Amino acid sequence: MKQCLLCGQTIMAGQRTNPISDATGPHEAHWECLLRSALGGIGHLEDHQRWCQEVGDPDGGRSYRQSALEVAEWVRVHGHDPE
């Protein structure tokens, strides 16, 4: 079974992924994990001052994968700039 390069969890059948490479070669990552890597964790989006500056946890106490899923939902609700 393949694992997401970013969160380390197993990529299950039917989950959307994208190719990603590192020094060890080609891999796959959940699309939500890639989105999280670009935008920052859910803690960063919800309260940057608290989670990033004070606590030092941009995922707001969640796992990387859970944070990624919440970031995807945040984008669905709040939208994004087209540029």
Protein backbone atom coordinates (compact mmCIF):
# COMPACT_ATOMS: atom_id res chain seq x y z
CA MET A 1 0.00 0.00 0.00
CA LYS A 2 1.12 3.53 -0.75
CA GLN A 3 1.62 6.11 1.95
CA CYS A 4 1.19 9.85 1.63
CA LEU A 5 4.61 11.48 1.60
CA LEU A 6 3.33 14.38 3.71
CA CYS A 7 1.13 12.85 6.43
CA GLY A 8 2.51 9.30 6.39
CA GLN A 9 -0.95 7.72 6.37
CA THR A 10 -1.99 5.01 3.96
CA ILE A 11 -3.58 6.22 0.75
CA MET A 12 -6.89 4.39 0.57
CA ALA A 13 -8.70 3.41 -2.62
CA GLY A 14 -10.72 6.30 -3.98
CA GLN A 15 -8.77 9.05 -2.22
CA ARG A 16 -7.57 11.85 -4.50
CA THR A 17 -3.80 12.10 -4.75
CA ASN A 18 -1.19 13.96 -6.72
CA PRO A 19 2.35 12.95 -7.63
CA ILE A 20 5.14 14.50 -5.57
CA SER A 21 8.88 13.87 -5.57
CA ASP A 22 11.66 14.22 -3.07
CA ALA A 23 15.30 13.17 -3.01
CA THR A 24 14.30 9.51 -2.82
CA GLY A 25 12.16 9.61 -5.95
CA PRO A 26 8.51 9.86 -6.97
CA HIS A 27 5.72 9.45 -4.41
CA GLU A 28 2.09 10.38 -3.96
CA ALA A 29 0.34 12.69 -1.53
CA HIS A 30 -3.29 13.29 -0.62
CA TRP A 31 -4.46 16.44 -2.40
CA GLU A 32 -5.62 17.85 0.95
CA CYS A 33 -2.12 17.36 2.39
CA LEU A 34 -0.64 19.23 -0.58
CA LEU A 35 -3.15 22.04 -0.02
CA ARG A 36 -2.22 22.15 3.67
CA SER A 37 1.48 22.31 2.77
CA ALA A 38 0.79 25.35 0.58
CA LEU A 39 -1.64 27.27 2.82
CA GLY A 40 -0.46 26.23 6.26
CA GLY A 41 -2.28 24.24 8.89
CA ILE A 42 -5.77 24.89 10.19
CA GLY A 43 -4.38 26.54 13.32
CA HIS A 44 -2.55 29.02 11.10
CA LEU A 45 -5.76 29.84 9.24
CA GLU A 46 -7.93 30.07 12.35
CA ASP A 47 -5.62 32.03 14.67
CA HIS A 48 -2.09 32.64 13.42
CA GLN A 49 -1.05 34.63 16.48
CA ARG A 50 -2.02 31.92 18.96
CA TRP A 51 -1.14 28.73 17.09
CA CYS A 52 1.93 29.85 15.14
CA GLN A 53 3.44 32.61 17.27
CA GLU A 54 2.56 31.55 20.82
CA VAL A 55 2.13 27.76 20.68
CA GLY A 56 4.30 26.92 17.66
CA ASP A 57 1.77 24.47 16.22
CA PRO A 58 0.30 25.57 12.86
CA ASP A 59 -1.93 22.48 12.88
CA GLY A 60 -3.76 23.70 15.97
CA GLY A 61 -3.31 20.51 18.00
CA ARG A 62 -4.50 18.24 15.19
CA SER A 63 -2.56 15.63 13.26
CA TYR A 64 -1.15 16.71 9.90
CA ARG A 65 -3.85 14.73 8.07
CA GLN A 66 -6.72 16.04 10.20
CA SER A 67 -5.42 19.57 9.78
CA ALA A 68 -5.23 19.00 6.00
CA LEU A 69 -8.84 17.83 5.87
CA GLU A 70 -9.94 20.87 7.86
CA VAL A 71 -7.92 23.20 5.61
CA ALA A 72 -9.71 21.74 2.57
CA GLU A 73 -13.06 22.39 4.27
CA TRP A 74 -11.93 25.92 5.22
CA VAL A 75 -11.16 26.64 1.55
CA ARG A 76 -14.52 25.19 0.50
CA VAL A 77 -16.33 27.50 2.93
CA HIS A 78 -14.21 30.64 2.60
CA GLY A 79 -13.03 30.32 -1.01
CA HIS A 80 -9.68 31.45 -2.30
CA ASP A 81 -8.20 34.16 -4.47
CA PRO A 82 -8.14 33.05 -8.13
CA GLU A 83 -4.56 34.33 -8.53
